[in-house]
Amino acid sequence: MADNFTILMEREKMDTNLLLASDPSLPHVMLMLNSCHPFAGVVDGKTVAVCLLEQKEHYYDIVNLGLDIMHDNKGYCAQIVQSVMDFVRSRGGRYIEAGCGNAQLNFYAMYQKLGFRVTGVWPDYYMYDGRTLTIENNICNRDMVRLRLDLNEKTLNTTGGCAAFIGVGL
């Protein structure tokens, strides 16, 4: 992890190309950019990660999370989601939801490591509205996996916490 990674909540720092990598609909990205809370991860003045957080009636929703592929596996998205968690807590929020494609294994794992739990699947989400299906990790990315974090819930210790469940018939 680079020491010079900074997270800014400035719309001017948002990189539209990174947002489009997560959501290829320019009209939708522009709508979300204008109505959501922006989080930009910056290294040496260049935006390398982005997140848009939408405030709903009873929860917050991460509607876009994008990363410059040259900065993959550096923990930048996890740091942004941690900042989102702090932001939601500071506003008295309790729940954060997020979605990722069924083939986006790195995002799926990251969310779970941060305490998010699977709440459902939106089948064929990426097959509507003339979207072009993508292949990631040799898997067709067609369904959205939905996850939720309850900021008041204690999370399992990911370094062996699941061992407590072994043998209880799950």
Protein backbone atom coordinates (compact mmCIF):
# COMPACT_ATOMS: atom_id res chain seq x y z
CA MET A 1 0.00 0.00 0.00
CA ALA A 2 1.32 3.39 -0.94
CA ASP A 3 1.69 5.92 1.85
CA ASN A 4 0.59 8.74 -0.47
CA PHE A 5 -2.93 7.36 -1.08
CA THR A 6 -5.50 9.98 -0.10
CA ILE A 7 -9.29 9.87 -0.18
CA LEU A 8 -11.07 13.08 -1.14
CA MET A 9 -14.77 13.81 -1.28
CA GLU A 10 -14.47 16.16 -4.24
CA ARG A 11 -16.52 15.79 -7.42
CA GLU A 12 -13.71 17.44 -9.38
CA LYS A 13 -11.40 14.51 -8.51
CA MET A 14 -13.79 11.88 -9.86
CA ASP A 15 -12.52 10.11 -12.99
CA THR A 16 -15.43 9.43 -15.35
CA ASN A 17 -13.49 6.66 -17.11
CA LEU A 18 -13.14 4.75 -13.84
CA LEU A 19 -16.85 5.21 -13.15
CA LEU A 20 -17.65 3.97 -16.67
CA ALA A 21 -15.51 0.88 -16.13
CA SER A 22 -17.96 -0.07 -13.38
CA ASP A 23 -21.11 1.15 -15.17
CA PRO A 24 -20.90 1.59 -18.95
CA SER A 25 -23.96 3.87 -19.14
CA LEU A 26 -22.73 7.47 -19.41
CA PRO A 27 -26.19 8.98 -18.70
CA HIS A 28 -26.52 6.83 -15.56
CA VAL A 29 -22.98 7.63 -14.41
CA MET A 30 -23.57 11.38 -14.86
CA LEU A 31 -26.87 11.19 -12.97
CA MET A 32 -25.21 9.31 -10.10
CA LEU A 33 -22.19 11.62 -10.11
CA ASN A 34 -24.46 14.63 -9.63
CA SER A 35 -26.65 13.08 -6.92
CA CYS A 36 -24.30 10.88 -4.86
CA HIS A 37 -21.55 11.44 -2.33
CA PRO A 38 -18.21 11.14 -4.20
CA PHE A 39 -15.10 9.43 -2.86
CA ALA A 40 -11.92 9.68 -4.94
CA GLY A 41 -8.75 7.77 -4.12
CA VAL A 42 -5.76 9.81 -5.28
CA VAL A 43 -2.08 8.86 -5.63
CA ASP A 44 0.41 11.58 -6.59
CA GLY A 45 -2.41 13.83 -7.81
CA LYS A 46 -3.96 11.13 -10.05
CA THR A 47 -7.32 9.57 -9.27
CA VAL A 48 -6.88 5.79 -9.17
CA ALA A 49 -10.09 4.68 -7.40
CA VAL A 50 -13.62 6.07 -7.22
CA CYS A 51 -16.80 5.40 -5.28
CA LEU A 52 -20.28 6.88 -5.44
CA LEU A 53 -22.49 6.54 -2.37
CA GLU A 54 -26.22 7.10 -2.72
CA GLN A 55 -28.30 7.97 0.31
CA LYS A 56 -31.58 6.09 0.29
CA GLU A 57 -34.44 6.45 2.77
CA HIS A 58 -33.23 3.84 5.29
CA TYR A 59 -29.73 2.97 4.12
CA TYR A 60 -26.79 4.02 1.97
CA ASP A 61 -25.90 2.24 -1.28
CA ILE A 62 -22.49 2.00 -2.94
CA VAL A 63 -23.69 2.41 -6.51
CA ASN A 64 -20.29 2.59 -8.19
CA LEU A 65 -16.82 1.43 -7.18
CA GLY A 66 -14.08 1.64 -9.77
CA LEU A 67 -10.34 1.10 -9.79
CA ASP A 68 -7.53 1.80 -12.23
CA ILE A 69 -6.34 -1.71 -13.10
CA MET A 70 -2.72 -0.55 -12.74
CA HIS A 71 -3.42 -0.16 -9.00
CA ASP A 72 -5.13 -3.50 -8.41
CA ASN A 73 -4.37 -5.45 -5.23
CA LYS A 74 -3.12 -2.44 -3.28
CA GLY A 75 -6.12 -2.22 -0.97
CA TYR A 76 -7.35 1.11 -2.33
CA CYS A 77 -10.97 0.02 -2.80
CA ALA A 78 -11.05 -1.41 0.72
CA GLN A 79 -9.71 1.89 2.05
CA ILE A 80 -12.42 3.80 0.20
CA VAL A 81 -15.12 1.49 1.54
CA GLN A 82 -13.68 2.00 5.05
CA SER A 83 -14.01 5.77 4.47
CA VAL A 84 -17.59 5.22 3.32
CA MET A 85 -18.25 3.29 6.53
CA ASP A 86 -16.82 6.14 8.63
CA PHE A 87 -18.87 8.68 6.67
CA VAL A 88 -22.12 6.73 7.16
CA ARG A 89 -21.40 6.30 10.89
CA SER A 90 -20.75 10.05 11.22
CA ARG A 91 -24.19 10.68 9.74
CA GLY A 92 -25.91 8.27 12.10
CA GLY A 93 -26.49 5.67 9.39
CA ARG A 94 -26.66 2.00 10.17
CA TYR A 95 -26.77 0.09 6.88
CA ILE A 96 -24.64 0.15 3.75
CA GLU A 97 -25.55 -1.93 0.74
CA ALA A 98 -23.47 -2.77 -2.29
CA GLY A 99 -23.69 -4.91 -5.37
CA CYS A 100 -21.10 -6.62 -7.48
CA GLY A 101 -21.20 -8.88 -10.48
CA ASN A 102 -21.22 -12.61 -9.84
CA ALA A 103 -17.85 -12.83 -11.64
CA GLN A 104 -16.21 -9.96 -9.73
CA LEU A 105 -14.55 -12.26 -7.24
CA ASN A 106 -12.10 -9.68 -5.85
CA PHE A 107 -14.88 -7.20 -5.03
CA TYR A 108 -17.08 -9.99 -3.63
CA ALA A 109 -14.27 -11.15 -1.32
CA MET A 110 -13.34 -7.60 -0.29
CA TYR A 111 -16.88 -6.75 0.76
CA GLN A 112 -17.13 -9.92 2.85
CA LYS A 113 -13.77 -9.27 4.51
CA LEU A 114 -15.10 -5.84 5.50
CA GLY A 115 -18.14 -7.42 7.17
CA PHE A 116 -20.75 -7.22 4.40
CA ARG A 117 -23.11 -10.17 4.18
CA VAL A 118 -24.93 -11.52 1.15
CA THR A 119 -28.60 -10.56 1.07
CA GLY A 120 -29.56 -11.81 -2.36
CA VAL A 121 -28.96 -12.03 -6.07
CA TRP A 122 -30.55 -9.99 -8.82
CA PRO A 123 -30.60 -12.57 -11.65
CA ASP A 124 -29.71 -11.39 -15.15
CA TYR A 125 -29.09 -7.82 -13.90
CA TYR A 126 -26.35 -7.22 -16.45
CA MET A 127 -28.39 -8.62 -19.37
CA TYR A 128 -30.91 -5.76 -19.53
CA ASP A 129 -30.87 -2.33 -21.16
CA GLY A 130 -28.74 -3.43 -24.10
CA ARG A 131 -25.71 -4.02 -21.88
CA THR A 132 -22.85 -6.02 -23.25
CA LEU A 133 -22.03 -8.98 -21.05
CA THR A 134 -18.48 -9.21 -19.81
CA ILE A 135 -16.30 -12.14 -18.87
CA GLU A 136 -14.28 -11.86 -15.67
CA ASN A 137 -12.28 -14.67 -14.09
CA ASN A 138 -13.53 -16.88 -16.98
CA ILE A 139 -17.10 -16.40 -15.72
CA CYS A 140 -19.94 -14.61 -17.53
CA ASN A 141 -20.85 -11.60 -15.41
CA ARG A 142 -24.65 -11.65 -15.65
CA ASP A 143 -26.07 -11.54 -12.09
CA MET A 144 -25.63 -8.93 -9.36
CA VAL A 145 -24.80 -10.22 -5.89
CA ARG A 146 -26.24 -7.88 -3.26
CA LEU A 147 -24.51 -7.40 0.08
CA ARG A 148 -25.32 -5.42 3.23
CA LEU A 149 -23.30 -4.19 6.17
CA ASP A 150 -24.98 -3.54 9.50
CA LEU A 151 -22.64 -1.09 11.22
CA ASN A 152 -24.03 -2.13 14.61
CA GLU A 153 -23.40 -5.85 14.08
CA LYS A 154 -20.24 -7.45 15.39
CA THR A 155 -18.32 -9.06 12.54
CA LEU A 156 -16.54 -12.38 12.57
CA ASN A 157 -12.79 -12.39 12.92
CA THR A 158 -11.68 -13.28 9.39
CA THR A 159 -8.47 -14.82 10.70
CA GLY A 160 -10.13 -17.94 12.00
CA GLY A 161 -13.43 -16.69 13.40
CA CYS A 162 -15.35 -19.15 11.25
CA ALA A 163 -13.65 -22.02 13.10
CA ALA A 164 -16.22 -21.49 15.86
CA PHE A 165 -18.92 -22.65 13.47
CA ILE A 166 -17.24 -25.96 12.55
CA GLY A 167 -19.33 -28.90 13.68
CA VAL A 168 -22.52 -27.00 14.44
CA GLY A 169 -24.40 -28.34 11.46
CA LEU A 170 -24.32 -25.34 9.17
